[in-house]
Amino acid sequence: MVRTKFAAVAAATALALSLAACGGGSSDDTAAPSAPMSAPMTTAAAPSSAAPMAGAGTQFGPGCAAVPADPANPGSFDAMAKVPVASAASGNPLLSTLVGAVKQANLVDTLNNADGITVFAPTNDAFGKIPKADLDKVLADPKTLAAVLTYHVVPGKLSPSALAGTHKTQQGSDLVVTGSGTSFTVNGNAMVVCGNVQTANATVYIVDTVLMPKS
């Protein structure tokens, strides 16, 4: 009888141990599985915040569309960049009146031999704004004509970022440029219609009005 009770206790104990080993009824069965390892992070390259300066290295303005696009044309931007400023202007269809005035004032060599200048070059239409009688009078007076033309020239090749401000001209008087980016006005009324045009010795800003020095 004692041996029978001992066997029953032993069997019950073995069963309990077996259930514990199998995890039956254990609260660990509800534990959430461990989270998978995160994928390696990839960092996208941030876009560059250094945008090119407005107009830097390129021409700008509505008047530039009238400049010949064919690089072989002497009036194209590519051709103008290879020769000094007076020679460069002679091939540009926007500037034929200016070229004639420069020749009349004997300034071709002066402009071509200048070492680093900025020229505000009036278009043919700019000269057309001047009453013919007044224009003819100026063209017939080399001294006055030279004064007017050299008023359009300032020392140094001014980039668009350096254009705004007051500049001493070769004539001796100051001119004032206002604006920024691709929009500039000279002396309050002459608009730059094609800017940052490069020649071998000058930077040219083509304007829609002839600049007149104060007498």
Protein backbone atom coordinates (compact mmCIF):
# COMPACT_ATOMS: atom_id res chain seq x y z
CA MET A 1 0.00 0.00 0.00
CA VAL A 2 2.81 2.42 0.83
CA ARG A 3 4.66 1.44 -2.30
CA THR A 4 1.54 2.18 -4.40
CA LYS A 5 1.15 5.68 -2.90
CA PHE A 6 4.84 6.41 -3.51
CA ALA A 7 4.52 5.40 -7.16
CA ALA A 8 1.49 7.67 -7.61
CA VAL A 9 3.31 10.66 -6.10
CA ALA A 10 6.33 10.01 -8.27
CA ALA A 11 4.19 9.82 -11.40
CA ALA A 12 2.42 13.10 -10.54
CA THR A 13 5.75 14.83 -9.96
CA ALA A 14 7.13 13.57 -13.28
CA LEU A 15 4.02 14.84 -15.10
CA ALA A 16 4.35 18.30 -13.53
CA LEU A 17 7.99 18.52 -14.50
CA SER A 18 7.14 17.44 -18.03
CA LEU A 19 4.47 20.15 -18.38
CA ALA A 20 6.82 22.82 -17.04
CA ALA A 21 9.50 21.78 -19.52
CA CYS A 22 7.04 22.14 -22.40
CA GLY A 23 6.01 25.62 -21.21
CA GLY A 24 2.38 24.70 -20.96
CA GLY A 25 0.31 27.49 -19.35
CA SER A 26 3.34 29.76 -19.07
CA SER A 27 2.77 33.51 -19.56
CA ASP A 28 5.98 33.63 -21.66
CA ASP A 29 3.95 32.28 -24.60
CA THR A 30 2.38 35.73 -25.12
CA ALA A 31 5.67 37.71 -25.21
CA ALA A 32 6.14 39.71 -28.42
CA PRO A 33 8.90 38.42 -30.69
CA SER A 34 12.04 40.48 -30.71
CA ALA A 35 12.05 43.28 -33.30
CA PRO A 36 14.09 42.59 -36.47
CA MET A 37 17.29 44.54 -36.96
CA SER A 38 16.75 47.86 -38.66
CA ALA A 39 17.99 48.18 -42.23
CA PRO A 40 21.14 50.29 -42.61
CA MET A 41 20.27 53.98 -42.95
CA THR A 42 21.10 55.64 -46.23
CA THR A 43 21.58 59.38 -46.31
CA ALA A 44 20.65 61.12 -49.53
CA ALA A 45 23.06 63.79 -50.65
CA ALA A 46 21.61 67.19 -49.86
CA PRO A 47 21.07 69.37 -52.93
CA SER A 48 23.59 72.13 -53.34
CA SER A 49 22.35 75.48 -52.08
CA ALA A 50 24.92 77.38 -54.10
CA ALA A 51 22.82 78.55 -57.04
CA PRO A 52 24.67 80.42 -59.80
CA MET A 53 24.51 84.17 -59.53
CA ALA A 54 21.94 85.80 -61.76
CA GLY A 55 23.40 86.50 -65.17
CA ALA A 56 26.88 85.27 -64.14
CA GLY A 57 28.82 83.95 -67.16
CA THR A 58 25.86 84.27 -69.51
CA GLN A 59 24.08 87.03 -71.36
CA PHE A 60 20.64 88.12 -70.21
CA GLY A 61 17.80 90.37 -71.30
CA PRO A 62 15.11 90.43 -74.02
CA GLY A 63 17.37 92.22 -76.49
CA CYS A 64 19.75 89.26 -76.61
CA ALA A 65 17.27 87.43 -78.86
CA ALA A 66 18.18 89.80 -81.71
CA VAL A 67 21.85 88.81 -81.59
CA PRO A 68 22.77 86.23 -84.28
CA ALA A 69 22.96 82.70 -82.87
CA ASP A 70 25.32 81.28 -85.50
CA PRO A 71 28.83 81.28 -83.95
CA ALA A 72 30.28 81.94 -87.41
CA ASN A 73 28.39 85.24 -87.63
CA PRO A 74 30.65 88.17 -86.59
CA GLY A 75 27.79 89.60 -84.55
CA SER A 76 27.24 86.46 -82.46
CA PHE A 77 28.24 86.31 -78.80
CA ASP A 78 30.93 83.74 -79.57
CA ALA A 79 32.49 85.91 -82.28
CA MET A 80 32.30 89.09 -80.19
CA ALA A 81 34.16 87.43 -77.32
CA LYS A 82 37.22 86.91 -79.53
CA VAL A 83 37.84 90.52 -80.60
CA PRO A 84 38.14 93.92 -78.84
CA VAL A 85 35.03 95.92 -78.17
CA ALA A 86 34.86 98.36 -81.11
CA SER A 87 35.51 95.55 -83.56
CA ALA A 88 33.00 93.34 -81.76
CA ALA A 89 30.28 95.99 -81.96
CA SER A 90 30.81 96.39 -85.70
CA GLY A 91 29.39 92.92 -86.30
CA ASN A 92 26.36 93.31 -84.02
CA PRO A 93 23.18 94.33 -85.92
CA LEU A 94 21.85 96.18 -82.84
CA LEU A 95 24.80 98.58 -82.73
CA SER A 96 25.44 99.86 -86.25
CA THR A 97 24.59 103.48 -85.37
CA LEU A 98 26.90 103.36 -82.36
CA VAL A 99 29.70 101.96 -84.51
CA GLY A 100 29.30 104.80 -86.98
CA ALA A 101 29.44 107.34 -84.15
CA VAL A 102 32.58 105.73 -82.69
CA LYS A 103 34.28 105.98 -86.08
CA GLN A 104 33.12 109.57 -86.47
CA ALA A 105 34.66 110.44 -83.09
CA ASN A 106 37.95 108.61 -83.91
CA LEU A 107 37.53 106.36 -80.87
CA VAL A 108 37.95 102.93 -82.52
CA ASP A 109 41.59 102.51 -81.50
CA THR A 110 40.98 104.03 -78.06
CA LEU A 111 38.28 101.49 -77.27
CA ASN A 112 40.03 98.54 -78.88
CA ASN A 113 43.26 99.20 -76.99
CA ALA A 114 41.64 99.79 -73.59
CA ASP A 115 42.63 97.28 -70.94
CA GLY A 116 39.47 96.05 -69.21
CA ILE A 117 36.44 98.35 -69.52
CA THR A 118 32.67 98.23 -69.29
CA VAL A 119 30.68 99.76 -72.15
CA PHE A 120 27.02 100.75 -72.03
CA ALA A 121 26.19 100.43 -75.71
CA PRO A 122 23.05 102.18 -77.02
CA THR A 123 21.03 100.32 -79.63
CA ASN A 124 20.07 101.79 -82.99
CA ASP A 125 16.59 102.40 -81.56
CA ALA A 126 18.16 104.31 -78.67
CA PHE A 127 19.73 106.75 -81.11
CA GLY A 128 16.38 106.88 -82.91
CA LYS A 129 14.80 108.42 -79.81
CA ILE A 130 16.94 111.55 -80.29
CA PRO A 131 15.40 114.15 -82.61
CA LYS A 132 17.24 113.97 -85.93
CA ALA A 133 18.31 117.59 -85.86
CA ASP A 134 19.87 117.16 -82.42
CA LEU A 135 21.57 113.89 -83.38
CA ASP A 136 22.98 115.38 -86.56
CA LYS A 137 24.35 118.31 -84.56
CA VAL A 138 26.14 115.99 -82.12
CA LEU A 139 27.50 113.79 -84.91
CA ALA A 140 28.90 116.87 -86.65
CA ASP A 141 30.81 117.99 -83.53
CA PRO A 142 33.65 115.50 -82.82
CA LYS A 143 34.41 116.99 -79.40
CA THR A 144 30.81 116.77 -78.17
CA LEU A 145 30.39 113.34 -79.75
CA ALA A 146 33.53 112.03 -78.03
CA ALA A 147 32.25 113.34 -74.70
CA VAL A 148 28.91 111.59 -75.14
CA LEU A 149 30.48 108.30 -76.19
CA THR A 150 33.13 108.20 -73.46
CA TYR A 151 30.36 108.84 -70.94
CA HIS A 152 29.20 105.31 -71.82
CA VAL A 153 32.52 103.79 -70.77
CA VAL A 154 33.70 102.97 -67.21
CA PRO A 155 36.94 101.33 -66.06
CA GLY A 156 36.99 97.62 -65.24
CA LYS A 157 35.00 94.70 -66.58
CA LEU A 158 31.94 94.84 -64.31
CA SER A 159 30.08 91.60 -63.73
CA PRO A 160 26.32 91.77 -63.07
CA SER A 161 26.96 91.36 -59.34
CA ALA A 162 29.17 94.48 -59.34
CA LEU A 163 27.10 96.57 -61.76
CA ALA A 164 24.79 98.42 -59.37
CA GLY A 165 26.28 101.59 -57.93
CA THR A 166 27.90 104.85 -58.94
CA HIS A 167 30.69 104.65 -61.52
CA LYS A 168 33.12 107.27 -62.78
CA THR A 169 33.09 107.33 -66.59
CA GLN A 170 35.96 107.99 -68.97
CA GLN A 171 34.29 111.31 -69.78
CA GLY A 172 34.75 112.29 -66.13
CA SER A 173 31.17 112.41 -64.87
CA ASP A 174 29.42 109.75 -62.81
CA LEU A 175 26.64 107.47 -63.95
CA VAL A 176 24.40 105.48 -61.61
CA VAL A 177 23.21 101.92 -62.12
CA THR A 178 20.33 100.53 -60.09
CA GLY A 179 18.85 97.05 -60.00
CA SER A 180 20.03 93.49 -59.48
CA GLY A 181 19.92 90.01 -60.97
CA THR A 182 18.96 90.49 -64.60
CA SER A 183 17.17 93.84 -64.30
CA PHE A 184 19.22 97.04 -64.39
CA THR A 185 18.56 100.71 -65.15
CA VAL A 186 21.20 103.33 -65.89
CA ASN A 187 20.64 106.93 -64.75
CA GLY A 188 17.02 106.15 -64.01
CA ASN A 189 15.80 105.80 -67.60
CA ALA A 190 18.07 103.60 -69.72
CA MET A 191 17.21 99.91 -69.42
CA VAL A 192 19.77 97.17 -69.97
CA VAL A 193 18.19 95.06 -72.73
CA CYS A 194 21.08 92.65 -73.20
CA GLY A 195 23.70 92.37 -70.50
CA ASN A 196 26.98 90.68 -69.69
CA VAL A 197 28.13 90.49 -73.33
CA GLN A 198 31.82 89.64 -73.41
CA THR A 199 34.45 90.93 -75.80
CA ALA A 200 38.21 90.43 -75.68
CA ASN A 201 38.75 93.54 -73.57
CA ALA A 202 35.33 94.66 -72.33
CA THR A 203 32.03 93.68 -70.81
CA VAL A 204 29.11 95.23 -72.69
CA TYR A 205 25.65 96.14 -71.45
CA ILE A 206 23.38 97.07 -74.35
CA VAL A 207 20.93 99.83 -73.35
CA ASP A 208 17.77 101.23 -74.91
CA THR A 209 18.56 104.92 -74.35
CA VAL A 210 21.58 107.10 -75.12
CA LEU A 211 23.21 108.33 -71.90
CA MET A 212 23.85 112.07 -71.81
CA PRO A 213 26.42 113.60 -69.45
CA LYS A 214 25.41 116.65 -67.50
CA SER A 215 26.71 119.75 -69.23
